[in-house]
Amino acid sequence: MQTLQTLEQPASLSQQRIAYLESRRIDPKVASIDLEMVKMKMREPAEDLHWSTDQIEDAEVEYKRYLTLCILFPYPKHTIVPNKIMDTMWQREGRGQSQIQSLRDNGRNRSDKKKRAK
């Protein structure tokens, strides 16, 4: 007979962490994306990453910097190629492309409004 393991839920993204990410010049909307479940999954031995907790925390910062750059410098005018760390987070997160598009659209709407106001 199999027994069910109790799954541990990570704490939600804290306001302190969001403030830290924003201090690293990450867009506030990107900073507030909760990747705690993704980071928990990345720590699992089955993921075969062998990354320390600090490396995973750093990867979150780099990934969110990448998302911020994608907003600031939208495709197709600009092409930003993620490094291996960013790409690993992107693959684990799974929602990256749709989130970037949504954030880009919001950024484009803001810049369009600024242009019209001039």
Protein backbone atom coordinates (compact mmCIF):
# COMPACT_ATOMS: atom_id res chain seq x y z
CA MET A 1 0.00 0.00 0.00
CA GLN A 2 1.36 3.39 -0.98
CA THR A 3 1.32 6.28 1.41
CA LEU A 4 0.79 9.84 0.33
CA GLN A 5 3.52 12.28 1.10
CA THR A 6 2.53 15.59 2.59
CA LEU A 7 3.40 18.21 0.05
CA GLU A 8 4.98 21.29 1.46
CA GLN A 9 3.73 24.61 0.12
CA PRO A 10 6.31 27.37 -0.03
CA ALA A 11 5.50 30.71 1.53
CA SER A 12 4.07 33.20 -0.93
CA LEU A 13 6.29 35.87 -2.37
CA SER A 14 6.84 38.38 0.42
CA GLN A 15 6.63 42.15 0.17
CA GLN A 16 10.21 42.23 1.44
CA ARG A 17 11.34 40.06 -1.49
CA ILE A 18 9.40 42.23 -3.94
CA ALA A 19 11.07 45.35 -2.50
CA TYR A 20 14.47 43.66 -2.83
CA LEU A 21 13.78 42.76 -6.46
CA GLU A 22 12.62 46.29 -7.21
CA SER A 23 15.84 47.60 -5.63
CA ARG A 24 17.66 45.48 -8.22
CA ARG A 25 15.93 47.59 -10.93
CA ILE A 26 13.33 44.97 -11.78
CA ASP A 27 9.97 46.23 -13.04
CA PRO A 28 7.41 46.17 -10.18
CA LYS A 29 4.98 43.98 -12.17
CA VAL A 30 7.76 41.49 -12.90
CA ALA A 31 9.01 41.63 -9.31
CA SER A 32 5.55 40.61 -8.09
CA ILE A 33 5.43 37.41 -10.19
CA ASP A 34 5.42 34.62 -7.62
CA LEU A 35 7.98 31.96 -8.56
CA GLU A 36 8.18 30.33 -5.13
CA MET A 37 6.63 27.06 -6.38
CA VAL A 38 9.02 27.03 -9.33
CA LYS A 39 12.00 27.56 -7.03
CA MET A 40 10.77 24.79 -4.73
CA LYS A 41 10.50 22.44 -7.72
CA MET A 42 14.02 23.38 -8.84
CA ARG A 43 15.37 22.23 -5.47
CA GLU A 44 14.02 18.70 -5.97
CA PRO A 45 16.67 16.07 -6.71
CA ALA A 46 14.53 14.73 -9.57
CA GLU A 47 15.08 18.01 -11.44
CA ASP A 48 18.78 17.08 -11.64
CA LEU A 49 19.94 20.72 -11.48
CA HIS A 50 22.23 20.41 -8.47
CA TRP A 51 21.81 24.13 -7.75
CA SER A 52 22.15 25.51 -4.25
CA THR A 53 19.39 27.61 -2.70
CA ASP A 54 21.51 30.71 -3.31
CA GLN A 55 21.94 29.81 -6.98
CA ILE A 56 18.19 29.37 -7.36
CA GLU A 57 17.53 32.72 -5.68
CA ASP A 58 20.07 34.37 -7.99
CA ALA A 59 18.47 32.66 -10.99
CA GLU A 60 15.12 34.24 -10.05
CA VAL A 61 16.74 37.69 -10.04
CA GLU A 62 18.41 37.08 -13.43
CA TYR A 63 15.20 35.72 -14.93
CA LYS A 64 13.21 38.70 -13.72
CA ARG A 65 15.88 41.06 -15.08
CA TYR A 66 15.47 39.31 -18.40
CA LEU A 67 11.68 39.78 -18.29
CA THR A 68 12.20 43.46 -17.42
CA LEU A 69 14.55 43.91 -20.38
CA CYS A 70 11.99 42.25 -22.66
CA ILE A 71 9.46 44.86 -21.57
CA LEU A 72 11.85 47.77 -21.98
CA PHE A 73 13.20 46.60 -25.33
CA PRO A 74 10.34 44.79 -27.06
CA TYR A 75 10.63 42.37 -29.94
CA PRO A 76 10.82 42.69 -32.96
CA LYS A 77 12.74 45.95 -32.72
CA HIS A 78 15.09 44.37 -30.18
CA THR A 79 16.11 40.78 -29.61
CA ILE A 80 17.27 39.75 -26.15
CA VAL A 81 18.76 36.30 -25.91
CA PRO A 82 18.51 34.64 -22.48
CA ASN A 83 21.56 33.02 -20.98
CA LYS A 84 21.45 29.43 -19.72
CA ILE A 85 20.35 30.46 -16.21
CA MET A 86 17.49 32.57 -17.55
CA ASP A 87 16.49 29.84 -19.97
CA THR A 88 16.42 27.24 -17.18
CA MET A 89 14.04 29.42 -15.17
CA TRP A 90 11.95 30.09 -18.30
CA GLN A 91 11.55 26.37 -18.97
CA ARG A 92 10.66 25.58 -15.34
CA GLU A 93 8.30 28.52 -15.06
CA GLY A 94 6.44 27.65 -18.21
CA ARG A 95 4.40 30.83 -18.41
CA GLY A 96 7.22 33.14 -19.40
CA GLN A 97 6.23 33.91 -22.96
CA SER A 98 2.62 34.79 -22.18
CA GLN A 99 3.68 36.89 -19.18
CA ILE A 100 6.23 38.77 -21.23
CA GLN A 101 3.68 39.45 -23.96
CA SER A 102 1.17 40.70 -21.41
CA LEU A 103 3.76 42.92 -19.73
CA ARG A 104 5.01 44.17 -23.11
CA ASP A 105 1.47 45.04 -24.14
CA ASN A 106 1.01 46.99 -20.92
CA GLY A 107 4.33 48.79 -21.48
CA ARG A 108 3.42 49.53 -25.10
CA ASN A 109 0.11 51.00 -24.00
CA ARG A 110 1.91 53.27 -21.53
CA SER A 111 4.43 54.45 -24.14
CA ASP A 112 1.63 55.03 -26.67
CA LYS A 113 -0.19 57.19 -24.14
CA LYS A 114 3.00 59.18 -23.50
CA LYS A 115 3.44 59.76 -27.26
CA ARG A 116 -0.15 60.94 -27.63
CA ALA A 117 0.23 63.29 -24.68
CA LYS A 118 3.16 65.08 -26.36
